Amino acid sequence: MRTLTLLLASALIAAAADVPAEGTKAPDFTLKSQEGTPVSLHDYQGKWVVLYFYPKDQTPGCTIEAHNFQRDLPKYDAKNAVILGVSVDTVESHQQWCAKDSLTFKLLADDHKEVVAKYGSLHDYGKMQLANRNTFLIDPHGVIRKVYVNVNPQPHSTQVLAALAEMQKGASE
């Protein structure tokens, strides 16, 4: 049993090692949004970015998380922050979900799984590879300031807003 525990702990540490660390430059990328237009991280220089990865469009946990980000969007706007959601779903899947659930922030399609992998968020779910539910809070200079791994979707937007407020408060003191 002890060997199994050590193996599992090693696997978790190895997986976590692939996640970019707080204080490092966020890996740049360009992906298509639900509108089919390219969106790059560097387009948001000068803004805070909440870059969140999620497993699949229109699933229960992902819907809760997206609805909470949408509900809080005016609060993010007031804090000079944008929400970018990334999954391995297609542009068409994002279009359908945004239309069905009135989501107005950018959902980015990483159907080649390159950006999800860059951010250490690719996970095997049975025979499928999907994104882990991880979030990166990136400052206006493109530096990762907070990393959340395997998040609980229900309180997550509130947690990110609190961290953002704390960081902005600290920056102004």
N, C-alpha and C. Protein backbone atom coordinates (compact mmCIF):
# COMPACT_ATOMS: atom_id res chain seq x y z
N MET A 1 0.83 -1.21 0.00
CA MET A 1 0.00 0.00 0.00
C MET A 1 0.87 1.25 0.00
N ARG A 2 1.95 1.23 0.76
CA ARG A 2 2.82 2.39 0.83
C ARG A 2 3.45 2.68 -0.54
N THR A 3 3.81 1.63 -1.26
CA THR A 3 4.38 1.81 -2.60
C THR A 3 3.38 2.46 -3.53
N LEU A 4 2.13 2.03 -3.46
CA LEU A 4 1.08 2.61 -4.29
C LEU A 4 0.90 4.09 -3.97
N THR A 5 0.89 4.43 -2.69
CA THR A 5 0.76 5.82 -2.27
C THR A 5 1.92 6.66 -2.80
N LEU A 6 3.13 6.13 -2.73
CA LEU A 6 4.30 6.84 -3.24
C LEU A 6 4.23 7.03 -4.75
N LEU A 7 3.76 5.99 -5.45
CA LEU A 7 3.63 6.10 -6.90
C LEU A 7 2.59 7.16 -7.29
N LEU A 8 1.47 7.17 -6.59
CA LEU A 8 0.43 8.16 -6.87
C LEU A 8 0.94 9.57 -6.56
N ALA A 9 1.63 9.73 -5.45
CA ALA A 9 2.19 11.03 -5.10
C ALA A 9 3.21 11.48 -6.14
N SER A 10 4.03 10.57 -6.62
CA SER A 10 5.02 10.91 -7.65
C SER A 10 4.34 11.34 -8.94
N ALA A 11 3.26 10.64 -9.31
CA ALA A 11 2.53 10.98 -10.53
C ALA A 11 1.91 12.37 -10.41
N LEU A 12 1.35 12.69 -9.24
CA LEU A 12 0.75 14.01 -9.04
C LEU A 12 1.81 15.10 -9.09
N ILE A 13 2.96 14.86 -8.49
CA ILE A 13 4.05 15.83 -8.51
C ILE A 13 4.54 16.03 -9.94
N ALA A 14 4.70 14.95 -10.69
CA ALA A 14 5.15 15.05 -12.08
C ALA A 14 4.15 15.84 -12.91
N ALA A 15 2.86 15.59 -12.70
CA ALA A 15 1.84 16.31 -13.46
C ALA A 15 1.85 17.79 -13.09
N ALA A 16 2.00 18.07 -11.79
CA ALA A 16 2.02 19.46 -11.34
C ALA A 16 3.27 20.18 -11.86
N ALA A 17 4.35 19.44 -12.08
CA ALA A 17 5.59 20.06 -12.55
C ALA A 17 5.42 20.64 -13.95
N ASP A 18 4.48 20.14 -14.72
CA ASP A 18 4.25 20.63 -16.07
C ASP A 18 3.44 21.93 -16.09
N VAL A 19 2.79 22.26 -14.99
CA VAL A 19 1.98 23.47 -14.91
C VAL A 19 2.92 24.66 -14.74
N PRO A 20 2.80 25.70 -15.59
CA PRO A 20 3.67 26.87 -15.41
C PRO A 20 3.53 27.46 -14.01
N ALA A 21 4.64 27.88 -13.45
CA ALA A 21 4.68 28.34 -12.07
C ALA A 21 4.26 29.79 -11.93
N GLU A 22 3.77 30.13 -10.76
CA GLU A 22 3.49 31.52 -10.44
C GLU A 22 4.80 32.30 -10.52
N GLY A 23 4.73 33.51 -11.06
CA GLY A 23 5.91 34.35 -11.20
C GLY A 23 6.62 34.18 -12.53
N THR A 24 6.16 33.24 -13.37
CA THR A 24 6.79 33.04 -14.68
C THR A 24 5.93 33.70 -15.77
N LYS A 25 6.57 33.96 -16.89
CA LYS A 25 5.86 34.53 -18.04
C LYS A 25 4.85 33.50 -18.56
N ALA A 26 3.64 33.94 -18.80
CA ALA A 26 2.60 33.04 -19.33
C ALA A 26 2.94 32.69 -20.78
N PRO A 27 2.89 31.41 -21.14
CA PRO A 27 3.14 31.04 -22.53
C PRO A 27 2.11 31.69 -23.47
N ASP A 28 2.61 32.35 -24.50
CA ASP A 28 1.71 33.00 -25.46
C ASP A 28 1.08 31.94 -26.36
N PHE A 29 -0.03 32.29 -26.96
CA PHE A 29 -0.73 31.37 -27.86
C PHE A 29 -1.69 32.16 -28.72
N THR A 30 -2.16 31.52 -29.76
CA THR A 30 -3.25 32.03 -30.59
C THR A 30 -4.20 30.87 -30.87
N LEU A 31 -5.47 31.07 -30.54
CA LEU A 31 -6.52 30.08 -30.78
C LEU A 31 -7.74 30.80 -31.34
N LYS A 32 -8.62 30.05 -31.98
CA LYS A 32 -9.86 30.63 -32.50
C LYS A 32 -10.93 30.67 -31.41
N SER A 33 -11.66 31.78 -31.40
CA SER A 33 -12.76 31.95 -30.46
C SER A 33 -14.05 31.37 -31.05
N GLN A 34 -15.13 31.48 -30.29
CA GLN A 34 -16.42 30.99 -30.77
C GLN A 34 -16.88 31.75 -32.01
N GLU A 35 -16.31 32.94 -32.25
CA GLU A 35 -16.64 33.68 -33.48
C GLU A 35 -15.81 33.20 -34.67
N GLY A 36 -14.84 32.32 -34.42
CA GLY A 36 -13.97 31.85 -35.49
C GLY A 36 -12.79 32.77 -35.76
N THR A 37 -12.63 33.79 -34.92
CA THR A 37 -11.53 34.73 -35.09
C THR A 37 -10.36 34.38 -34.17
N PRO A 38 -9.13 34.63 -34.62
CA PRO A 38 -7.98 34.31 -33.78
C PRO A 38 -7.88 35.26 -32.58
N VAL A 39 -7.55 34.68 -31.45
CA VAL A 39 -7.35 35.42 -30.21
C VAL A 39 -5.99 34.99 -29.66
N SER A 40 -5.16 36.00 -29.35
CA SER A 40 -3.83 35.72 -28.79
C SER A 40 -3.75 36.28 -27.38
N LEU A 41 -2.99 35.62 -26.53
CA LEU A 41 -2.81 36.12 -25.17
C LEU A 41 -2.22 37.53 -25.20
N HIS A 42 -1.25 37.76 -26.09
CA HIS A 42 -0.60 39.08 -26.12
C HIS A 42 -1.55 40.21 -26.52
N ASP A 43 -2.72 39.87 -27.07
CA ASP A 43 -3.73 40.89 -27.39
C ASP A 43 -4.22 41.59 -26.12
N TYR A 44 -4.04 40.95 -24.98
CA TYR A 44 -4.57 41.46 -23.72
C TYR A 44 -3.50 42.09 -22.84
N GLN A 45 -2.35 42.44 -23.42
CA GLN A 45 -1.31 43.16 -22.69
C GLN A 45 -1.96 44.40 -22.06
N GLY A 46 -1.68 44.65 -20.79
CA GLY A 46 -2.28 45.79 -20.10
C GLY A 46 -3.56 45.45 -19.36
N LYS A 47 -4.03 44.22 -19.50
CA LYS A 47 -5.22 43.75 -18.78
C LYS A 47 -4.86 42.51 -17.95
N TRP A 48 -5.62 42.29 -16.91
CA TRP A 48 -5.55 41.03 -16.19
C TRP A 48 -6.30 40.00 -17.02
N VAL A 49 -5.79 38.77 -17.05
CA VAL A 49 -6.44 37.69 -17.80
C VAL A 49 -6.72 36.53 -16.86
N VAL A 50 -7.96 36.09 -16.86
CA VAL A 50 -8.33 34.85 -16.18
C VAL A 50 -8.39 33.80 -17.28
N LEU A 51 -7.34 32.99 -17.36
CA LEU A 51 -7.26 31.94 -18.38
C LEU A 51 -7.66 30.64 -17.71
N TYR A 52 -8.86 30.17 -18.06
CA TYR A 52 -9.32 28.95 -17.39
C TYR A 52 -9.53 27.83 -18.40
N PHE A 53 -9.06 26.67 -18.00
CA PHE A 53 -9.19 25.45 -18.80
C PHE A 53 -10.29 24.60 -18.19
N TYR A 54 -11.08 23.98 -19.05
CA TYR A 54 -12.19 23.16 -18.57
C TYR A 54 -12.35 21.96 -19.50
N PRO A 55 -12.93 20.86 -18.99
CA PRO A 55 -12.98 19.63 -19.78
C PRO A 55 -13.87 19.65 -21.03
N LYS A 56 -15.13 20.09 -20.92
CA LYS A 56 -16.03 19.87 -22.06
C LYS A 56 -17.21 20.84 -22.02
N ASP A 57 -17.56 21.37 -23.19
CA ASP A 57 -18.73 22.23 -23.33
C ASP A 57 -20.00 21.51 -22.90
N GLN A 58 -20.91 22.27 -22.29
CA GLN A 58 -22.26 21.82 -21.97
C GLN A 58 -22.33 20.63 -21.03
N THR A 59 -21.32 20.47 -20.19
CA THR A 59 -21.38 19.44 -19.15
C THR A 59 -21.69 20.13 -17.82
N PRO A 60 -22.19 19.40 -16.83
CA PRO A 60 -22.67 20.06 -15.60
C PRO A 60 -21.65 20.96 -14.90
N GLY A 61 -20.47 20.44 -14.58
CA GLY A 61 -19.48 21.25 -13.87
C GLY A 61 -18.99 22.43 -14.69
N CYS A 62 -18.78 22.20 -15.97
CA CYS A 62 -18.31 23.27 -16.86
C CYS A 62 -19.37 24.35 -17.03
N THR A 63 -20.63 23.96 -17.05
CA THR A 63 -21.72 24.92 -17.17
C THR A 63 -21.82 25.78 -15.91
N ILE A 64 -21.69 25.15 -14.74
CA ILE A 64 -21.70 25.92 -13.49
C ILE A 64 -20.57 26.95 -13.49
N GLU A 65 -19.37 26.51 -13.85
CA GLU A 65 -18.21 27.40 -13.85
C GLU A 65 -18.42 28.55 -14.84
N ALA A 66 -18.86 28.24 -16.06
CA ALA A 66 -19.07 29.27 -17.08
C ALA A 66 -20.17 30.25 -16.66
N HIS A 67 -21.26 29.75 -16.12
CA HIS A 67 -22.35 30.63 -15.69
C HIS A 67 -21.89 31.58 -14.59
N ASN A 68 -21.05 31.08 -13.68
CA ASN A 68 -20.56 31.95 -12.61
C ASN A 68 -19.60 33.02 -13.14
N PHE A 69 -18.74 32.66 -14.10
CA PHE A 69 -17.89 33.68 -14.72
C PHE A 69 -18.77 34.70 -15.45
N GLN A 70 -19.79 34.23 -16.16
CA GLN A 70 -20.69 35.14 -16.88
C GLN A 70 -21.42 36.05 -15.89
N ARG A 71 -21.92 35.48 -14.80
CA ARG A 71 -22.62 36.27 -13.77
C ARG A 71 -21.72 37.38 -13.23
N ASP A 72 -20.43 37.07 -13.05
CA ASP A 72 -19.49 38.02 -12.45
C ASP A 72 -18.75 38.89 -13.47
N LEU A 73 -19.09 38.76 -14.74
CA LEU A 73 -18.37 39.49 -15.79
C LEU A 73 -18.29 41.00 -15.53
N PRO A 74 -19.35 41.66 -15.08
CA PRO A 74 -19.23 43.11 -14.79
C PRO A 74 -18.17 43.40 -13.70
N LYS A 75 -18.03 42.50 -12.74
CA LYS A 75 -17.01 42.69 -11.69
C LYS A 75 -15.61 42.55 -12.27
N TYR A 76 -15.44 41.61 -13.20
CA TYR A 76 -14.14 41.46 -13.87
C TYR A 76 -13.85 42.68 -14.73
N ASP A 77 -14.85 43.15 -15.46
CA ASP A 77 -14.68 44.35 -16.29
C ASP A 77 -14.21 45.52 -15.43
N ALA A 78 -14.82 45.68 -14.26
CA ALA A 78 -14.46 46.78 -13.36
C ALA A 78 -13.03 46.65 -12.84
N LYS A 79 -12.49 45.45 -12.86
CA LYS A 79 -11.12 45.21 -12.38
C LYS A 79 -10.13 45.12 -13.55
N ASN A 80 -10.55 45.55 -14.75
CA ASN A 80 -9.68 45.52 -15.93
C ASN A 80 -9.22 44.10 -16.24
N ALA A 81 -10.15 43.15 -16.12
CA ALA A 81 -9.82 41.74 -16.34
C ALA A 81 -10.75 41.14 -17.39
N VAL A 82 -10.18 40.21 -18.17
CA VAL A 82 -10.96 39.47 -19.16
C VAL A 82 -10.95 37.99 -18.80
N ILE A 83 -11.99 37.31 -19.25
CA ILE A 83 -12.11 35.86 -19.05
C ILE A 83 -11.85 35.20 -20.39
N LEU A 84 -10.95 34.21 -20.40
CA LEU A 84 -10.72 33.38 -21.58
C LEU A 84 -10.86 31.93 -21.15
N GLY A 85 -11.86 31.24 -21.69
CA GLY A 85 -12.05 29.83 -21.40
C GLY A 85 -11.47 28.99 -22.52
N VAL A 86 -10.77 27.91 -22.17
CA VAL A 86 -10.14 27.04 -23.17
C VAL A 86 -10.51 25.59 -22.91
N SER A 87 -10.94 24.91 -23.99
CA SER A 87 -11.14 23.47 -23.93
C SER A 87 -10.68 22.88 -25.26
N VAL A 88 -10.72 21.57 -25.36
CA VAL A 88 -10.31 20.91 -26.60
C VAL A 88 -11.50 20.75 -27.55
N ASP A 89 -12.62 21.37 -27.22
CA ASP A 89 -13.79 21.35 -28.10
C ASP A 89 -13.53 22.21 -29.34
N THR A 90 -14.39 22.08 -30.33
CA THR A 90 -14.26 22.81 -31.59
C THR A 90 -14.91 24.20 -31.50
N VAL A 91 -14.60 25.04 -32.47
CA VAL A 91 -15.25 26.35 -32.58
C VAL A 91 -16.77 26.16 -32.65
N GLU A 92 -17.22 25.20 -33.44
CA GLU A 92 -18.66 24.96 -33.60
C GLU A 92 -19.31 24.58 -32.27
N SER A 93 -18.66 23.76 -31.48
CA SER A 93 -19.18 23.38 -30.17
C SER A 93 -19.29 24.62 -29.28
N HIS A 94 -18.27 25.47 -29.30
CA HIS A 94 -18.30 26.71 -28.52
C HIS A 94 -19.44 27.62 -28.98
N GLN A 95 -19.63 27.72 -30.29
CA GLN A 95 -20.71 28.56 -30.83
C GLN A 95 -22.06 28.09 -30.29
N GLN A 96 -22.29 26.79 -30.33
CA GLN A 96 -23.56 26.23 -29.86
C GLN A 96 -23.77 26.51 -28.38
N TRP A 97 -22.72 26.30 -27.59
CA TRP A 97 -22.84 26.49 -26.14
C TRP A 97 -23.06 27.96 -25.80
N CYS A 98 -22.32 28.85 -26.44
CA CYS A 98 -22.48 30.29 -26.18
C CYS A 98 -23.89 30.74 -26.54
N ALA A 99 -24.42 30.26 -27.66
CA ALA A 99 -25.77 30.63 -28.07
C ALA A 99 -26.81 30.08 -27.09
N LYS A 100 -26.65 28.83 -26.71
CA LYS A 100 -27.61 28.17 -25.82
C LYS A 100 -27.62 28.81 -24.43
N ASP A 101 -26.43 29.15 -23.90
CA ASP A 101 -26.32 29.61 -22.51
C ASP A 101 -26.01 31.10 -22.38
N SER A 102 -26.07 31.83 -23.49
CA SER A 102 -25.82 33.29 -23.49
C SER A 102 -24.47 33.65 -22.86
N LEU A 103 -23.44 32.93 -23.24
CA LEU A 103 -22.09 33.22 -22.77
C LEU A 103 -21.47 34.27 -23.69
N THR A 104 -20.95 35.35 -23.12
CA THR A 104 -20.44 36.44 -23.94
C THR A 104 -18.92 36.62 -23.87
N PHE A 105 -18.26 35.94 -22.93
CA PHE A 105 -16.80 36.02 -22.89
C PHE A 105 -16.23 35.03 -23.90
N LYS A 106 -14.94 35.13 -24.16
CA LYS A 106 -14.31 34.31 -25.20
C LYS A 106 -14.12 32.87 -24.74
N LEU A 107 -14.58 31.93 -25.55
CA LEU A 107 -14.25 30.52 -25.41
C LEU A 107 -13.33 30.18 -26.57
N LEU A 108 -12.19 29.59 -26.27
CA LEU A 108 -11.18 29.32 -27.28
C LEU A 108 -11.06 27.83 -27.54
N ALA A 109 -10.98 27.49 -28.82
CA ALA A 109 -10.95 26.09 -29.26
C ALA A 109 -9.50 25.63 -29.42
N ASP A 110 -9.12 24.66 -28.61
CA ASP A 110 -7.78 24.07 -28.71
C ASP A 110 -7.93 22.60 -29.12
N ASP A 111 -8.54 22.39 -30.29
CA ASP A 111 -8.81 21.02 -30.71
C ASP A 111 -7.54 20.24 -31.08
N HIS A 112 -6.40 20.94 -31.19
CA HIS A 112 -5.13 20.23 -31.40
C HIS A 112 -4.40 19.99 -30.07
N LYS A 113 -4.98 20.49 -28.99
CA LYS A 113 -4.50 20.24 -27.62
C LYS A 113 -3.11 20.82 -27.34
N GLU A 114 -2.68 21.79 -28.12
CA GLU A 114 -1.33 22.36 -27.95
C GLU A 114 -1.24 23.31 -26.77
N VAL A 115 -2.21 24.22 -26.64
CA VAL A 115 -2.17 25.20 -25.55
C VAL A 115 -2.48 24.52 -24.22
N VAL A 116 -3.44 23.62 -24.24
CA VAL A 116 -3.76 22.86 -23.02
C VAL A 116 -2.50 22.16 -22.50
N ALA A 117 -1.73 21.57 -23.41
CA ALA A 117 -0.48 20.89 -23.02
C ALA A 117 0.56 21.89 -22.53
N LYS A 118 0.69 23.06 -23.19
CA LYS A 118 1.65 24.10 -22.77
C LYS A 118 1.42 24.52 -21.33
N TYR A 119 0.16 24.50 -20.93
CA TYR A 119 -0.20 24.92 -19.58
C TYR A 119 -0.34 23.73 -18.62
N GLY A 120 0.20 22.58 -19.00
CA GLY A 120 0.19 21.42 -18.12
C GLY A 120 -1.19 20.98 -17.71
N SER A 121 -2.16 21.19 -18.58
CA SER A 121 -3.55 20.93 -18.23
C SER A 121 -4.20 19.82 -19.04
N LEU A 122 -3.42 19.07 -19.79
CA LEU A 122 -3.97 17.97 -20.58
C LEU A 122 -4.06 16.72 -19.71
N HIS A 123 -5.20 16.06 -19.76
CA HIS A 123 -5.42 14.90 -18.89
C HIS A 123 -6.14 13.81 -19.67
N ASP A 124 -5.77 12.57 -19.39
CA ASP A 124 -6.45 11.43 -19.99
C ASP A 124 -7.69 11.07 -19.17
N TYR A 125 -8.83 11.11 -19.82
CA TYR A 125 -10.09 10.68 -19.22
C TYR A 125 -10.52 9.45 -20.00
N GLY A 126 -10.17 8.29 -19.52
CA GLY A 126 -10.45 7.07 -20.27
C GLY A 126 -9.68 7.11 -21.58
N LYS A 127 -10.39 7.02 -22.69
CA LYS A 127 -9.74 7.05 -24.00
C LYS A 127 -9.67 8.45 -24.60
N MET A 128 -10.21 9.44 -23.88
CA MET A 128 -10.21 10.82 -24.38
C MET A 128 -9.15 11.64 -23.66
N GLN A 129 -8.62 12.62 -24.35
CA GLN A 129 -7.75 13.61 -23.72
C GLN A 129 -8.53 14.92 -23.65
N LEU A 130 -8.71 15.41 -22.45
CA LEU A 130 -9.44 16.65 -22.20
C LEU A 130 -8.60 17.57 -21.34
N ALA A 131 -9.07 18.77 -21.15
CA ALA A 131 -8.38 19.73 -20.28
C ALA A 131 -8.79 19.49 -18.83
N ASN A 132 -7.81 19.60 -17.95
CA ASN A 132 -8.11 19.63 -16.51
C ASN A 132 -8.74 20.97 -16.19
N ARG A 133 -9.45 21.03 -15.08
CA ARG A 133 -10.08 22.28 -14.65
C ARG A 133 -9.04 23.09 -13.87
N ASN A 134 -8.19 23.81 -14.62
CA ASN A 134 -7.12 24.64 -14.06
C ASN A 134 -7.31 26.07 -14.52
N THR A 135 -6.88 27.01 -13.67
CA THR A 135 -7.01 28.43 -14.00
C THR A 135 -5.70 29.14 -13.70
N PHE A 136 -5.38 30.11 -14.56
CA PHE A 136 -4.18 30.92 -14.41
C PHE A 136 -4.60 32.38 -14.39
N LEU A 137 -4.24 33.07 -13.33
CA LEU A 137 -4.51 34.51 -13.23
C LEU A 137 -3.23 35.21 -13.68
N ILE A 138 -3.33 35.94 -14.79
CA ILE A 138 -2.18 36.53 -15.46
C ILE A 138 -2.28 38.05 -15.34
N ASP A 139 -1.18 38.68 -14.92
CA ASP A 139 -1.21 40.13 -14.70
C ASP A 139 -1.07 40.91 -16.02
N PRO A 140 -1.21 42.23 -15.98
CA PRO A 140 -1.17 43.03 -17.21
C PRO A 140 0.17 42.98 -17.96
N HIS A 141 1.21 42.45 -17.32
CA HIS A 141 2.52 42.31 -17.97
C HIS A 141 2.75 40.90 -18.51
N GLY A 142 1.73 40.03 -18.40
CA GLY A 142 1.83 38.67 -18.93
C GLY A 142 2.50 37.69 -17.98
N VAL A 143 2.55 38.02 -16.70
CA VAL A 143 3.16 37.14 -15.70
C VAL A 143 2.06 36.40 -14.93
N ILE A 144 2.24 35.10 -14.75
CA ILE A 144 1.28 34.29 -14.00
C ILE A 144 1.41 34.65 -12.52
N ARG A 145 0.32 35.12 -11.93
CA ARG A 145 0.33 35.53 -10.52
C ARG A 145 -0.33 34.51 -9.60
N LYS A 146 -1.23 33.71 -10.13
CA LYS A 146 -1.89 32.68 -9.30
C LYS A 146 -2.28 31.51 -10.19
N VAL A 147 -2.08 30.31 -9.66
CA VAL A 147 -2.43 29.08 -10.36
C VAL A 147 -3.41 28.30 -9.50
N TYR A 148 -4.48 27.87 -10.11
CA TYR A 148 -5.47 27.01 -9.45
C TYR A 148 -5.50 25.70 -10.22
N VAL A 149 -5.34 24.57 -9.54
CA VAL A 149 -5.41 23.28 -10.21
C VAL A 149 -6.59 22.47 -9.66
N ASN A 150 -7.23 21.73 -10.56
CA ASN A 150 -8.37 20.87 -10.21
C ASN A 150 -9.40 21.62 -9.37
N VAL A 151 -9.88 22.73 -9.89
CA VAL A 151 -10.75 23.60 -9.12
C VAL A 151 -12.16 23.05 -8.97
N ASN A 152 -12.81 23.51 -7.92
CA ASN A 152 -14.23 23.25 -7.70
C ASN A 152 -14.99 24.34 -8.46
N PRO A 153 -15.82 23.99 -9.43
CA PRO A 153 -16.44 25.02 -10.28
C PRO A 153 -17.40 25.96 -9.55
N GLN A 154 -18.05 25.51 -8.50
CA GLN A 154 -19.08 26.34 -7.85
C GLN A 154 -18.50 27.63 -7.25
N PRO A 155 -17.49 27.57 -6.39
CA PRO A 155 -17.02 28.82 -5.78
C PRO A 155 -15.88 29.49 -6.56
N HIS A 156 -15.51 28.94 -7.70
CA HIS A 156 -14.27 29.35 -8.34
C HIS A 156 -14.23 30.82 -8.77
N SER A 157 -15.25 31.31 -9.41
CA SER A 157 -15.23 32.70 -9.86
C SER A 157 -15.08 33.64 -8.66
N THR A 158 -15.77 33.36 -7.59
CA THR A 158 -15.67 34.18 -6.38
C THR A 158 -14.24 34.15 -5.83
N GLN A 159 -13.61 32.97 -5.85
CA GLN A 159 -12.23 32.85 -5.38
C GLN A 159 -11.28 33.67 -6.24
N VAL A 160 -11.46 33.60 -7.55
CA VAL A 160 -10.58 34.35 -8.46
C VAL A 160 -10.77 35.85 -8.27
N LEU A 161 -12.01 36.30 -8.13
CA LEU A 161 -12.27 37.72 -7.89
C LEU A 161 -11.61 38.20 -6.61
N ALA A 162 -11.67 37.38 -5.55
CA ALA A 162 -11.05 37.75 -4.28
C ALA A 162 -9.53 37.87 -4.43
N ALA A 163 -8.93 36.91 -5.12
CA ALA A 163 -7.47 36.95 -5.34
C ALA A 163 -7.09 38.16 -6.18
N LEU A 164 -7.87 38.46 -7.20
CA LEU A 164 -7.61 39.60 -8.06
C LEU A 164 -7.70 40.90 -7.26
N ALA A 165 -8.71 41.02 -6.43
CA ALA A 165 -8.87 42.23 -5.59
C ALA A 165 -7.67 42.38 -4.65
N GLU A 166 -7.24 41.29 -4.06
CA GLU A 166 -6.10 41.31 -3.14
C GLU A 166 -4.82 41.73 -3.86
N MET A 167 -4.59 41.20 -5.04
CA MET A 167 -3.39 41.54 -5.81
C MET A 167 -3.41 43.00 -6.26
N GLN A 168 -4.57 43.48 -6.67
CA GLN A 168 -4.68 44.86 -7.11
C GLN A 168 -4.54 45.81 -5.93
N LYS A 169 -5.04 45.40 -4.78
CA LYS A 169 -4.91 46.21 -3.56
C LYS A 169 -3.43 46.31 -3.18
N GLY A 170 -2.74 45.15 -3.23
CA GLY A 170 -1.31 45.12 -2.89
C GLY A 170 -0.47 45.94 -3.85
N ALA A 171 -0.87 45.98 -5.11
CA ALA A 171 -0.12 46.72 -6.12
C ALA A 171 -0.27 48.22 -5.95
N SER A 172 -1.40 48.65 -5.34
CA SER A 172 -1.64 50.09 -5.20
C SER A 172 -1.10 50.63 -3.87
N GLU A 173 -0.65 49.77 -2.97
CA GLU A 173 -0.14 50.24 -1.68
C GLU A 173 1.30 50.65 -1.77
